[in-house]
Amino acid sequence: MAWWTLIWRGKKQTTLNIHKSHNEQEIPSPLTPARQWLESEAGRPFYWQSFTPITVTESLYIGDPLSGPEALQAATLPEIPTILTPWVFESGEENDSFFAHTNSLIWLEAQGTLPVSKEMLIEFPVDGACIGVFSERALQALKALDLADQRNESFEWMIAQISNQPHFASPLNIPPDNVPAFIASTGSDGGFAAVALYDRSNRFSGILVDIAGRSVDQCFIDKLLPERHSIFQP
C-alpha cells in the first residue's frame, strides 16, 4: 500500500483539534496590490498567511500529492528562474468546526502587482481534498521517497507537518534533505485551475488557485479578468 493512502487514512481518523498551526505565520507586512485586489474580490472577512518561498528553476508542479507524484502536473512559468511566495487567504476560528480555517484561495506571489489579465497554466483534479505546489527538485525528492513506500516511516514526515484540523496550509520539507514544497487543503474534491495573472505592463504578478470563489456568487476570481492575448498582442 502506498504511503499516500496511509497519510489520508490517518488524517480521517485523527480527532479534529481547531488551533493555529505552528507553521502558520502572523504577517504584519502591508498588502501588495495583487493581494489587496484578491481580498476585495473574495469578499470574506479572512486573513492572509504566508509560507516558505519556493524557488523555481524549471517547471512548477501543482496537483494533489496524496494521489502520488504522477498526479502533479507541470506548469511552464513565464519567468524562469523565479521565486514564488505561497500565500493563503483563510478564515479565523468559527463556531462550526468544519469551516474553521477554511482556505478561500492560494496565491503564489511573484511581483504582486495589480492584475489586469490572465493566462491559464493548468487544470487539475483533486481527489484527496488538498493541493500541493512543488519545484522540479521537490518533485524528484517526492518520487525518490515514493519508491521507498515499503518503509513504515516513509510517510510520517508529512503527518508531522500537517496540523490536525479539517483545513490546513503548511510548508512541506521533504526528507532526507528537507527540500521545500507547499500543501493546502481545499475542503472538498473536484477540479481546480492554476492561472497566471499579469499587470498592465504585462509583468508576471503571480499564480492564482481559487478554491472557493467570491462570497457573493462563488464566481472564480480569475473569471473577472480578460485573457492576456486579448490585451497584449505578440
Protein backbone atom coordinates (compact mmCIF):
# COMPACT_ATOMS: atom_id res chain seq x y z
CA MET A 1 0.00 0.00 0.00
CA ALA A 2 1.38 3.39 -0.99
CA TRP A 3 2.21 5.76 1.83
CA TRP A 4 -0.08 8.44 0.29
CA THR A 5 -3.06 6.25 1.17
CA LEU A 6 -1.80 5.81 4.70
CA ILE A 7 -1.50 9.56 5.19
CA TRP A 8 -5.05 10.24 4.07
CA ARG A 9 -6.43 7.36 6.12
CA GLY A 10 -4.60 8.68 9.17
CA LYS A 11 -5.95 12.18 8.59
CA LYS A 12 -9.54 10.95 8.52
CA GLN A 13 -9.08 9.06 11.77
CA THR A 14 -7.49 11.99 13.57
CA THR A 15 -9.52 13.96 16.11
CA LEU A 16 -10.06 17.47 14.78
CA ASN A 17 -8.37 19.97 17.07
CA ILE A 18 -9.06 23.52 15.95
CA HIS A 19 -5.99 25.61 16.66
CA LYS A 20 -3.45 27.69 14.77
CA SER A 21 -0.69 25.56 13.29
CA HIS A 22 2.88 26.22 14.39
CA ASN A 23 3.70 26.50 10.67
CA GLU A 24 1.42 29.49 10.18
CA GLN A 25 2.95 32.94 10.42
CA GLU A 26 1.40 36.21 11.51
CA ILE A 27 2.33 38.66 8.75
CA PRO A 28 2.24 42.39 9.62
CA SER A 29 3.51 43.44 6.17
CA PRO A 30 1.23 45.66 4.04
CA LEU A 31 -0.81 44.12 1.27
CA THR A 32 0.64 44.10 -2.21
CA PRO A 33 -1.72 45.46 -4.90
CA ALA A 34 -2.45 41.89 -6.02
CA ARG A 35 -3.40 40.63 -2.58
CA GLN A 36 -5.44 43.75 -1.90
CA TRP A 37 -7.43 43.12 -5.10
CA LEU A 38 -7.87 39.41 -4.41
CA GLU A 39 -9.05 40.12 -0.86
CA SER A 40 -11.55 42.69 -2.10
CA GLU A 41 -12.96 40.37 -4.76
CA ALA A 42 -13.16 37.37 -2.42
CA GLY A 43 -15.39 39.45 -0.16
CA ARG A 44 -14.72 37.48 3.01
CA PRO A 45 -13.52 38.61 6.46
CA PHE A 46 -10.48 36.34 6.17
CA TYR A 47 -6.77 36.99 6.67
CA TRP A 48 -3.53 36.21 4.82
CA GLN A 49 -0.92 33.66 5.82
CA SER A 50 2.46 33.37 4.06
CA PHE A 51 4.73 30.34 3.80
CA THR A 52 8.26 29.41 2.81
CA PRO A 53 9.14 30.77 -0.68
CA ILE A 54 9.65 28.23 -3.48
CA THR A 55 12.48 28.74 -5.96
CA VAL A 56 11.51 27.58 -9.46
CA THR A 57 14.37 26.94 -11.87
CA GLU A 58 12.48 24.67 -14.30
CA SER A 59 8.78 23.77 -14.27
CA LEU A 60 6.41 24.23 -11.35
CA TYR A 61 4.30 21.20 -10.41
CA ILE A 62 0.80 21.56 -8.96
CA GLY A 63 -1.80 18.96 -8.05
CA ASP A 64 -2.97 16.51 -5.41
CA PRO A 65 0.14 14.98 -3.78
CA LEU A 66 -1.93 12.43 -1.85
CA SER A 67 -2.67 10.75 -5.17
CA GLY A 68 1.07 10.26 -5.82
CA PRO A 69 3.83 12.16 -7.65
CA GLU A 70 2.32 11.30 -11.04
CA ALA A 71 -0.75 13.41 -10.15
CA LEU A 72 1.34 16.61 -10.09
CA GLN A 73 1.10 18.47 -13.39
CA ALA A 74 3.79 20.71 -14.87
CA ALA A 75 3.10 24.42 -15.33
CA THR A 76 5.51 26.38 -17.51
CA LEU A 77 6.07 29.80 -15.97
CA PRO A 78 6.63 32.98 -18.00
CA GLU A 79 9.75 33.80 -15.97
CA ILE A 80 12.48 31.27 -15.09
CA PRO A 81 14.12 31.26 -12.64
CA THR A 82 11.70 32.89 -10.25
CA ILE A 83 10.79 32.83 -6.57
CA LEU A 84 7.15 32.31 -5.64
CA THR A 85 5.87 33.05 -2.14
CA PRO A 86 2.78 30.97 -1.24
CA TRP A 87 0.00 32.95 0.41
CA VAL A 88 -3.29 31.50 1.61
CA PHE A 89 -6.40 33.57 2.27
CA GLU A 90 -8.14 31.77 5.14
CA SER A 91 -10.67 32.35 7.87
CA GLY A 92 -10.20 32.52 11.60
CA GLU A 93 -11.87 30.12 14.01
CA GLU A 94 -15.65 29.79 13.61
CA ASN A 95 -18.41 28.11 15.61
CA ASP A 96 -18.77 25.21 13.20
CA SER A 97 -15.53 23.23 13.43
CA PHE A 98 -15.63 22.08 9.79
CA PHE A 99 -15.49 25.66 8.50
CA ALA A 100 -12.72 26.81 10.83
CA HIS A 101 -9.64 27.95 8.90
CA THR A 102 -11.33 27.41 5.53
CA ASN A 103 -8.94 28.18 2.67
CA SER A 104 -10.52 30.59 0.19
CA LEU A 105 -7.63 30.78 -2.28
CA ILE A 106 -3.95 30.07 -2.85
CA TRP A 107 -1.81 32.90 -4.27
CA LEU A 108 1.75 32.17 -5.41
CA GLU A 109 3.16 35.67 -5.48
CA ALA A 110 5.93 36.80 -7.84
CA GLN A 111 5.79 40.59 -8.42
CA GLY A 112 2.48 41.02 -6.60
CA THR A 113 1.44 43.86 -8.92
CA LEU A 114 -2.21 44.66 -9.70
CA PRO A 115 -3.55 42.03 -12.14
CA VAL A 116 -5.33 43.12 -15.33
CA SER A 117 -5.16 39.93 -17.42
CA LYS A 118 -4.80 36.17 -17.08
CA GLU A 119 -3.39 33.09 -18.78
CA MET A 120 -4.42 29.52 -17.98
CA LEU A 121 -1.47 27.37 -16.93
CA ILE A 122 -3.03 24.02 -15.96
CA GLU A 123 -6.30 22.45 -14.87
CA PHE A 124 -6.06 19.52 -12.46
CA PRO A 125 -8.27 17.18 -10.39
CA VAL A 126 -8.14 16.81 -6.62
CA ASP A 127 -9.10 13.50 -5.00
CA GLY A 128 -7.56 13.99 -1.55
CA ALA A 129 -9.01 17.44 -0.68
CA CYS A 130 -5.63 19.15 -0.89
CA ILE A 131 -3.33 20.92 -3.36
CA GLY A 132 0.46 20.69 -3.37
CA VAL A 133 2.98 23.01 -5.03
CA PHE A 134 6.41 21.57 -5.91
CA SER A 135 9.54 22.69 -7.71
CA GLU A 136 11.37 20.27 -10.01
CA ARG A 137 13.78 19.45 -7.19
CA ALA A 138 10.91 18.83 -4.77
CA LEU A 139 9.15 16.56 -7.26
CA GLN A 140 12.28 14.44 -7.67
CA ALA A 141 12.63 14.20 -3.89
CA LEU A 142 9.00 13.13 -3.67
CA LYS A 143 9.48 10.44 -6.33
CA ALA A 144 12.54 9.09 -4.51
CA LEU A 145 10.56 8.91 -1.28
CA ASP A 146 7.65 7.21 -3.02
CA LEU A 147 9.97 4.41 -4.17
CA ALA A 148 10.63 3.69 -0.52
CA ASP A 149 6.95 3.31 0.39
CA GLN A 150 7.50 -0.10 1.95
CA ARG A 151 9.26 1.54 4.88
CA ASN A 152 6.88 2.21 7.79
CA GLU A 153 8.44 5.59 8.48
CA SER A 154 8.36 6.83 4.87
CA PHE A 155 5.11 8.81 5.24
CA GLU A 156 5.45 10.10 8.79
CA TRP A 157 7.20 13.33 7.73
CA MET A 158 4.01 14.63 6.11
CA ILE A 159 1.76 13.69 9.02
CA ALA A 160 4.10 15.57 11.36
CA GLN A 161 4.00 18.73 9.22
CA ILE A 162 0.22 18.95 8.60
CA SER A 163 -1.81 20.29 11.51
CA ASN A 164 -4.64 18.19 12.94
CA GLN A 165 -7.57 20.30 11.79
CA PRO A 166 -10.08 19.96 8.96
CA HIS A 167 -8.49 22.78 6.95
CA PHE A 168 -4.77 23.43 6.81
CA ALA A 169 -1.94 25.08 4.92
CA SER A 170 1.65 24.18 5.56
CA PRO A 171 5.16 24.22 4.15
CA LEU A 172 6.48 20.73 3.45
CA ASN A 173 10.10 19.81 3.99
CA ILE A 174 10.69 16.60 2.05
CA PRO A 175 13.23 14.27 3.68
CA PRO A 176 16.01 13.43 3.82
CA ASP A 177 17.32 16.81 2.61
CA ASN A 178 14.30 18.92 3.67
CA VAL A 179 13.53 20.08 0.13
CA PRO A 180 10.82 22.77 0.45
CA ALA A 181 7.32 22.43 -1.03
CA PHE A 182 3.84 23.56 0.00
CA ILE A 183 0.43 21.97 0.67
CA ALA A 184 -3.04 23.37 1.45
CA SER A 185 -6.47 21.82 1.94
CA THR A 186 -9.41 22.51 -0.36
CA GLY A 187 -12.25 21.27 1.83
CA SER A 188 -13.55 19.06 -0.99
CA ASP A 189 -12.53 17.14 -4.08
CA GLY A 190 -13.10 18.42 -7.61
CA GLY A 191 -11.42 20.24 -10.45
CA PHE A 192 -9.20 23.31 -9.97
CA ALA A 193 -7.06 25.57 -12.13
CA ALA A 194 -3.75 27.40 -11.76
CA VAL A 195 -3.96 30.74 -13.58
CA ALA A 196 -1.07 33.17 -14.19
CA LEU A 197 -2.01 36.83 -13.64
CA TYR A 198 -0.30 39.83 -15.30
CA ASP A 199 -0.26 43.57 -14.63
CA ARG A 200 -0.85 46.44 -17.08
CA SER A 201 2.81 46.33 -18.13
CA ASN A 202 2.49 42.62 -18.97
CA ARG A 203 4.62 41.67 -15.99
CA PHE A 204 4.03 38.37 -14.21
CA SER A 205 2.23 39.12 -10.94
CA GLY A 206 1.69 35.59 -9.64
CA ILE A 207 -0.37 32.40 -9.87
CA LEU A 208 -3.92 32.13 -8.54
CA VAL A 209 -5.64 28.92 -7.48
CA ASP A 210 -9.13 30.00 -6.44
CA ILE A 211 -10.67 27.38 -4.16
CA ALA A 212 -13.97 28.92 -3.01
CA GLY A 213 -14.74 31.70 -5.48
CA ARG A 214 -16.29 35.02 -4.47
CA SER A 215 -18.58 35.01 -1.45
CA VAL A 216 -21.31 36.90 -3.32
CA ASP A 217 -21.74 34.48 -6.23
CA GLN A 218 -19.00 31.77 -5.98
CA CYS A 219 -17.58 33.03 -9.30
CA PHE A 220 -13.89 32.20 -9.59
CA ILE A 221 -11.91 35.43 -9.36
CA ASP A 222 -9.81 34.76 -12.46
CA LYS A 223 -13.04 34.80 -14.49
CA LEU A 224 -13.19 38.55 -13.88
CA LEU A 225 -10.05 39.17 -15.97
CA PRO A 226 -9.65 39.17 -19.76
CA GLU A 227 -7.25 36.80 -21.48
CA ARG A 228 -3.69 38.04 -21.75
CA HIS A 229 -3.56 37.60 -25.54
CA SER A 230 -6.59 39.88 -25.94
CA ILE A 231 -4.67 42.77 -24.35
CA PHE A 232 -1.06 42.11 -25.27
CA GLN A 233 -0.53 41.14 -28.88
CA PRO A 234 2.71 39.29 -29.71
